[in-house]
Structure formats: C-alpha cells, structure tokens
Protein backbone atom coordinates (compact mmCIF):
# COMPACT_ATOMS: atom_id res chain seq x y z
CA MET A 1 35.75 0.96 -19.21
CA ALA A 2 34.14 4.32 -18.46
CA ALA A 3 30.92 4.46 -16.44
CA LYS A 4 27.81 5.14 -18.46
CA ARG A 5 26.60 8.71 -17.99
CA PRO A 6 22.88 9.15 -17.25
CA ALA A 7 20.75 10.58 -20.07
CA TYR A 8 19.68 13.55 -17.94
CA GLY A 9 23.20 14.85 -17.20
CA ALA A 10 25.99 14.60 -14.66
CA ALA A 11 25.28 13.57 -11.09
CA ASP A 12 26.67 16.86 -9.79
CA ASP A 13 26.06 19.75 -12.15
CA PRO A 14 28.50 22.64 -11.47
CA ARG A 15 25.87 25.17 -12.62
CA PHE A 16 23.94 24.59 -9.38
CA THR A 17 26.83 24.63 -6.90
CA LEU A 18 25.77 27.97 -5.43
CA HIS A 19 22.23 26.67 -4.89
CA HIS A 20 23.65 24.06 -2.47
CA ARG A 21 21.07 21.68 -3.90
CA GLN A 22 21.48 19.47 -6.95
CA PRO A 23 18.33 18.70 -8.99
CA ARG A 24 17.36 15.29 -7.60
CA ALA A 25 13.94 13.74 -8.15
CA ASN A 26 13.60 11.04 -5.48
CA LYS A 27 12.07 13.48 -2.97
CA LEU A 28 10.73 16.81 -4.13
CA ASP A 29 10.45 19.57 -1.54
CA ALA A 30 9.51 23.24 -1.19
CA ARG A 31 13.12 24.42 -1.45
CA GLN A 32 13.47 22.77 -4.86
CA ARG A 33 10.24 24.47 -5.97
CA LEU A 34 11.64 27.87 -4.96
CA LEU A 35 14.84 27.16 -6.89
CA CYS A 36 12.78 26.13 -9.93
CA MET A 37 10.88 29.42 -9.81
CA ALA A 38 14.08 31.45 -9.41
CA ASP A 39 16.24 29.57 -11.93
CA PRO A 40 14.74 28.23 -15.19
CA ALA A 41 17.89 26.13 -15.82
CA TYR A 42 17.34 24.38 -12.48
CA ALA A 43 13.67 23.78 -13.35
CA GLU A 44 14.67 22.30 -16.71
CA ALA A 45 17.31 20.03 -15.14
CA LEU A 46 14.92 18.83 -12.43
CA GLY A 47 12.11 18.33 -14.96
CA LYS A 48 14.36 15.99 -16.97
CA ARG A 49 15.03 13.89 -13.88
CA VAL A 50 11.37 13.51 -12.91
CA ALA A 51 10.23 10.45 -14.85
CA HIS A 52 6.48 11.19 -14.87
CA PRO A 53 5.45 14.54 -16.44
CA ASN A 54 2.27 14.68 -14.31
CA ARG A 55 4.40 14.54 -11.19
CA PHE A 56 6.53 17.52 -12.18
CA ALA A 57 3.45 19.53 -13.19
CA ALA A 58 1.78 18.71 -9.85
CA PHE A 59 4.99 19.65 -8.03
CA MET A 60 5.12 23.06 -9.70
CA ASP A 61 1.39 23.59 -8.99
CA ARG A 62 1.91 22.67 -5.30
CA ALA A 63 -0.51 19.74 -5.63
CA ALA A 64 -0.27 17.02 -2.99
CA TYR A 65 -0.79 14.21 -5.51
CA TYR A 66 -0.80 13.35 -9.20
CA ILE A 67 -2.45 10.59 -11.22
CA ASP A 68 -0.35 7.72 -12.63
CA VAL A 69 -2.63 5.38 -14.59
CA GLU A 70 0.31 3.32 -15.89
CA LYS A 71 1.34 1.99 -12.46
CA PRO A 72 -1.45 1.24 -9.95
CA CYS A 73 -0.50 0.70 -6.31
CA PRO A 74 0.29 -2.99 -5.70
CA LYS A 75 -1.43 -2.84 -2.27
CA CYS A 76 -4.69 -0.97 -2.91
CA GLY A 77 -4.81 -0.57 -6.70
CA GLY A 78 -5.08 3.24 -6.48
CA PHE A 79 -3.74 5.61 -9.13
CA LYS A 80 -3.09 8.66 -6.92
CA ARG A 81 0.58 9.12 -6.08
CA ARG A 82 2.14 11.57 -3.63
CA THR A 83 3.99 14.30 -5.49
CA ARG A 84 6.75 14.40 -2.89
CA ASP A 85 7.98 10.80 -3.11
CA ARG A 86 5.76 8.85 -5.59
CA SER A 87 4.22 6.70 -2.82
CA CYS A 88 0.53 5.76 -2.93
CA TYR A 89 -1.60 8.65 -1.68
CA ALA A 90 -4.44 6.46 -0.34
CA CYS A 91 -2.04 4.15 1.52
CA HIS A 92 -0.31 7.20 3.00
CA LEU A 93 -3.62 8.56 4.32
CA ARG A 94 -4.59 5.16 5.69
CA ARG A 95 -1.23 4.83 7.51
CA SER A 96 -1.52 8.32 8.94
CA GLY A 97 -5.04 7.69 10.27
CA GLU A 98 -6.21 10.11 12.91
CA ASN A 99 -2.79 11.74 13.04
CA PHE A 100 -3.43 13.30 9.62
CA GLU A 101 -5.84 15.83 11.15
CA ARG A 102 -3.35 16.56 13.94
CA MET A 103 -0.55 17.15 11.42
CA LYS A 104 -2.76 19.48 9.35
CA ALA A 105 -3.43 21.45 12.53
CA GLY A 106 0.31 21.68 13.19
CA LEU A 107 0.27 19.32 16.18
CA ALA A 108 2.75 16.50 16.70
CA PRO A 109 1.44 13.06 15.76
CA GLN A 110 0.59 10.70 18.60
CA VAL A 111 3.18 8.04 19.31
CA GLN A 112 2.18 4.68 17.83
CA ARG A 113 4.41 2.52 20.02
CA GLY A 114 6.19 2.88 23.32
CA ARG A 115 9.91 2.63 23.99
CA ASP A 116 9.78 -1.05 24.98
CA SER A 117 7.78 -1.92 21.89
CA HIS A 118 10.23 -0.04 19.68
CA LEU A 119 13.24 -1.78 21.26
CA ASP A 120 11.51 -5.14 20.81
CA LEU A 121 10.92 -4.36 17.14
CA LEU A 122 14.59 -3.42 16.65
CA GLN A 123 15.69 -6.63 18.34
CA ARG A 124 13.39 -8.76 16.16
CA GLN A 125 14.58 -6.98 13.00
CA LYS A 126 18.20 -7.61 13.96
CA ALA A 127 17.50 -11.30 14.66
CA ASP A 128 15.66 -11.54 11.34
CA LYS A 129 18.63 -10.06 9.45
CA GLN A 130 20.95 -12.55 11.15
CA ASP A 131 18.65 -15.33 9.86
CA GLU A 132 17.66 -16.57 13.32
CA PHE A 133 14.59 -18.80 13.23
CA VAL A 134 12.81 -21.49 15.22
CA GLU A 135 12.32 -24.83 13.48
CA ARG A 136 9.78 -27.46 14.45
CA ARG A 137 8.56 -30.72 12.90
CA PHE A 138 4.87 -31.65 12.82
CA GLY A 139 4.61 -35.17 11.42
CA GLU A 140 5.62 -34.80 7.78
CA PHE A 141 5.64 -30.98 7.92
CA VAL A 142 8.69 -28.90 8.81
CA ALA A 143 8.06 -25.28 9.83
CA LYS A 144 10.51 -22.43 10.31
CA SER A 145 9.37 -19.22 11.96
CA TRP A 146 11.35 -15.95 11.85
CA PRO A 147 10.99 -13.13 14.40
CA MET A 148 9.38 -10.72 11.90
CA GLY A 149 6.59 -13.15 10.98
CA ARG A 150 7.94 -15.08 8.00
CA LEU A 151 6.73 -18.69 8.09
CA GLU A 152 8.45 -21.22 5.83
CA ILE A 153 6.71 -24.58 5.51
CA THR A 154 8.09 -27.75 3.92
CA PHE A 155 5.17 -29.92 2.81
CA PRO A 156 5.13 -33.76 2.87
CA ASP A 157 5.68 -33.90 -0.92
CA GLY A 158 8.91 -31.89 -0.55
CA TYR A 159 7.51 -28.54 -1.75
CA VAL A 160 8.85 -25.57 0.25
CA GLU A 161 6.64 -22.50 0.63
CA PRO A 162 9.17 -19.75 1.48
CA ASP A 163 6.62 -17.45 3.17
CA PHE A 164 3.19 -18.84 3.91
CA SER A 165 2.01 -15.41 5.12
CA LYS A 166 2.26 -14.05 1.57
CA LEU A 167 -0.34 -16.50 0.22
CA SER A 168 -3.85 -15.25 -0.44
CA TRP A 169 -6.69 -16.28 1.83
CA GLN A 170 -8.00 -18.69 -0.83
CA GLU A 171 -4.59 -20.33 -1.27
CA CYS A 172 -4.35 -20.84 2.50
CA MET A 173 -7.82 -22.43 2.59
CA ASN A 174 -6.94 -24.72 -0.33
CA ALA A 175 -3.76 -25.84 1.45
CA LEU A 176 -5.72 -26.54 4.65
CA GLU A 177 -8.23 -28.65 2.70
CA MET A 178 -5.47 -30.67 1.03
CA TYR A 179 -3.38 -31.04 4.21
CA PRO A 180 -5.46 -31.13 7.43
CA GLY A 181 -2.22 -31.54 9.46
CA LEU A 182 -1.26 -28.02 8.41
CA ARG A 183 -3.62 -26.67 11.13
CA ASP A 184 -1.16 -27.75 13.84
CA VAL A 185 1.65 -25.87 12.09
CA LEU A 186 -0.43 -22.69 11.82
CA ARG A 187 -1.61 -22.91 15.45
CA TRP A 188 2.05 -23.22 16.53
CA ALA A 189 2.77 -20.04 14.53
CA SER A 190 -0.09 -18.28 16.40
CA TRP A 191 -2.40 -18.18 13.39
CA SER A 192 -6.16 -18.32 13.91
CA VAL A 193 -7.36 -21.29 11.86
CA ASP A 194 -10.63 -22.26 13.58
C-alpha cells in the first residue's frame, strides 16, 4: 500500500533544490522570508503549508505575532501566537522575563541555572524516563513520587490519581477535606499544606 501524499505537495520538492531550503512551516525564519520575496513559487508552496492564514501574513509583514482566536493558549488563555513557531506570545514573554530586554539590546541572556543544577536536572529527567520512583504507604494511602515531581496517590477506596500535581487548587482542597490523612502524604512529598 502506497503512503498517502500530503495535500500540500511532496516532502522534498525538486523545484527548490537550489535554494537549499524546502518550504517547511514548523519554524519560520528570515531566510525563508527572503526566499519568498525572491521566488513566488516558494512563497506559494510555503503559504500552502502554513495552516493559519494570519500566521503567513504576519510572517511576510515581519510581525512578531499573529492572532488566533480559534485556539486560545491552554496555560494563559491568550490569543497572540508567535509567528516563528506558533507558541503563545504572552507565555514566551513571561518565560523570557528580564532577559527579553537584554536580548533586544543584543546582549546574551543571563544564565538561569548553574552547571550543577543543570546536571541534577538531567539526572532527574533520566531517572524519570526510566520510571524510577519512591513508594511509601501512609495508612490506607499509597504514594509514589517521581524525580520530576509527579505524585501518584492511591486512595483508600482504590481510586488512583495518576498525577496529583495536575489537580486544580479547589480539587486538592476538596480531597483534603474528604481525606484528612492525605496531609501526611503531601507533607512527605514536600507540599505546603498548612
């Protein structure tokens, strides 16, 4: 059975071999914009691959963001998206913090973590991928804690919450009201519950 060909054309279009850049839409950059201006066929091919028309228009206008009212950001609910990679514009600015002004001035961003902290993070990520966890029983509760912060709790009635940290604040408070013994589990996991 032959593989289904995408609606926007072949993965590698021989027309653009000399450009040394195929029209790909996951990350848009300045070189692609120059190729679009120099070659209308390239602009047409890239435009077909960009799913949101506002994004392609913003890209050609050199705008940093575009508006996508169909898909709000799941974290902050914002509608602004970065033209380059479709990520949330507000979340990007919040992550960049004070380094944003440094980057605009052409200065290198300040390091967020030291070498030891970075190596510790890599080690915890590796342990997390290998499914290493610490398990402890608190009366009728069974808790499993993973190095990257996931906390699985088995309740006395047999219900398993796969990641307690993903519950909303109100859901956590409701669980604490229903099960006062849950405080010991959360204290063991270094949560502030008092």
